[in-house]
Structure formats: structure tokens, C-alpha cells
Amino acid sequence: MENEFIKTLASQTILISTLLGGFSIAIIANLLISDLNTRLLKIIMILATLVAGFFLVNVFAMSLADWSKSKKLGKFTTAIGFLTLILILIVI
């Protein structure tokens, strides 16, 4: 029972992290096109970027947990995670 609870909790955490990461990225996009250039805007931009990064790291770490379900699923999620990392590094 405890193992099943942990798997359910992990899947819910992935869902919440994905949604909140998406909202953070949407906020960043809106702030980038804003004409304002205040100190508060810069602080919000820095914090939103950090939060989006933390949520993405959380999603990537939880995808690695799929190895416990099956090897195929673990390989697939790890490959997608590395592809995402490579694409992020290319954009930077």
C-alpha cells in the first residue's frame, strides 16, 4: 500500500509541477514583451525564471522514476529528458 501511495503522490507532483512550470513560463513571456523596466519587474522576472527552472528539474527528476515501472518507459522518459536538456542548452 505504501509503494502505491508513493507512485500516486509522484504522479500528482509531476502534474502540478508541469502546470505551475507552464504558468511560470507564460509569466516570463508576458514580462519579456512588457514595456516596463522597473526594479520590481526585474525581481519578478528573476524569480519566475528560477521557479520555472525548478519545476522543470522536478519534472525531469520524476520522469527518471519511471524506471521502476518498466525499462521501456524508463528509457523513453530519460531520452525525452536528455533531448529537452539539449534543446534548452542550445537555446541558451
Protein backbone atom coordinates (compact mmCIF):
# COMPACT_ATOMS: atom_id res chain seq x y z
CA MET A 1 0.00 0.00 0.00
CA GLU A 2 2.79 2.43 0.83
CA ASN A 3 4.54 1.88 -2.53
CA GLU A 4 1.30 2.55 -4.41
CA PHE A 5 0.77 5.74 -2.41
CA ILE A 6 4.26 6.99 -3.29
CA LYS A 7 3.64 6.33 -7.01
CA THR A 8 0.33 8.20 -6.88
CA LEU A 9 1.93 11.08 -5.00
CA ALA A 10 4.75 11.24 -7.55
CA SER A 11 2.34 11.35 -10.50
CA GLN A 12 0.34 14.14 -8.84
CA THR A 13 3.55 16.06 -8.15
CA ILE A 14 4.54 15.75 -11.81
CA LEU A 15 1.16 17.09 -12.91
CA ILE A 16 1.25 20.05 -10.53
CA SER A 17 4.89 20.85 -11.38
CA THR A 18 4.15 20.77 -15.09
CA LEU A 19 1.19 23.11 -14.74
CA LEU A 20 2.99 25.55 -12.45
CA GLY A 21 6.08 25.47 -14.67
CA GLY A 22 3.89 26.33 -17.66
CA PHE A 23 2.32 29.24 -15.78
CA SER A 24 5.78 30.49 -14.80
CA ILE A 25 6.97 30.34 -18.39
CA ALA A 26 3.82 32.19 -19.51
CA ILE A 27 4.53 34.93 -16.95
CA ILE A 28 8.12 35.18 -18.19
CA ALA A 29 6.91 35.52 -21.79
CA ASN A 30 4.49 38.29 -20.84
CA LEU A 31 7.16 40.15 -18.88
CA LEU A 32 9.61 39.90 -21.77
CA ILE A 33 7.28 41.78 -24.12
CA SER A 34 6.31 44.33 -21.47
CA ASP A 35 7.43 47.92 -21.90
CA LEU A 36 8.00 48.39 -18.18
CA ASN A 37 11.57 48.46 -16.92
CA THR A 38 11.31 48.74 -13.16
CA ARG A 39 13.24 47.10 -10.35
CA LEU A 40 10.15 45.15 -9.28
CA LEU A 41 9.74 43.79 -12.81
CA LYS A 42 13.34 42.59 -12.82
CA ILE A 43 12.89 40.86 -9.46
CA ILE A 44 9.68 39.17 -10.63
CA MET A 45 11.44 38.10 -13.85
CA ILE A 46 14.35 36.58 -11.92
CA LEU A 47 12.05 34.75 -9.50
CA ALA A 48 9.75 33.47 -12.28
CA THR A 49 12.76 32.17 -14.19
CA LEU A 50 14.09 30.39 -11.10
CA VAL A 51 10.69 28.88 -10.34
CA ALA A 52 10.22 27.67 -13.93
CA GLY A 53 13.68 26.09 -13.83
CA PHE A 54 12.98 24.36 -10.51
CA PHE A 55 9.68 22.98 -11.80
CA LEU A 56 11.37 21.67 -14.95
CA VAL A 57 14.08 20.00 -12.87
CA ASN A 58 11.38 18.41 -10.73
CA VAL A 59 9.56 17.06 -13.77
CA PHE A 60 12.81 15.68 -15.19
CA ALA A 61 13.72 14.01 -11.88
CA MET A 62 10.27 12.42 -11.55
CA SER A 63 10.46 11.09 -15.17
CA LEU A 64 13.59 9.18 -14.10
CA ALA A 65 11.40 7.44 -11.53
CA ASP A 66 9.59 5.69 -14.40
CA TRP A 67 12.39 3.13 -14.41
CA SER A 68 10.54 1.46 -11.56
CA LYS A 69 7.53 0.82 -13.83
CA SER A 70 9.30 -0.65 -16.86
CA LYS A 71 12.58 -0.46 -18.75
CA LYS A 72 10.92 0.79 -21.96
CA LEU A 73 9.13 3.61 -20.18
CA GLY A 74 12.29 4.50 -18.26
CA LYS A 75 14.37 4.62 -21.44
CA PHE A 76 11.73 6.72 -23.21
CA THR A 77 11.37 9.30 -20.43
CA THR A 78 15.13 9.51 -19.94
CA ALA A 79 15.65 10.07 -23.67
CA ILE A 80 12.99 12.80 -23.73
CA GLY A 81 14.57 14.38 -20.65
CA PHE A 82 18.02 14.47 -22.25
CA LEU A 83 16.54 15.80 -25.50
CA THR A 84 14.85 18.57 -23.53
CA LEU A 85 18.12 19.37 -21.75
CA ILE A 86 19.98 19.56 -25.07
CA LEU A 87 17.31 21.84 -26.56
CA ILE A 88 17.45 24.12 -23.52
CA LEU A 89 21.24 24.31 -23.77
CA ILE A 90 21.02 25.11 -27.49
CA VAL A 91 18.59 27.94 -26.81
CA ILE A 92 20.81 29.37 -24.07
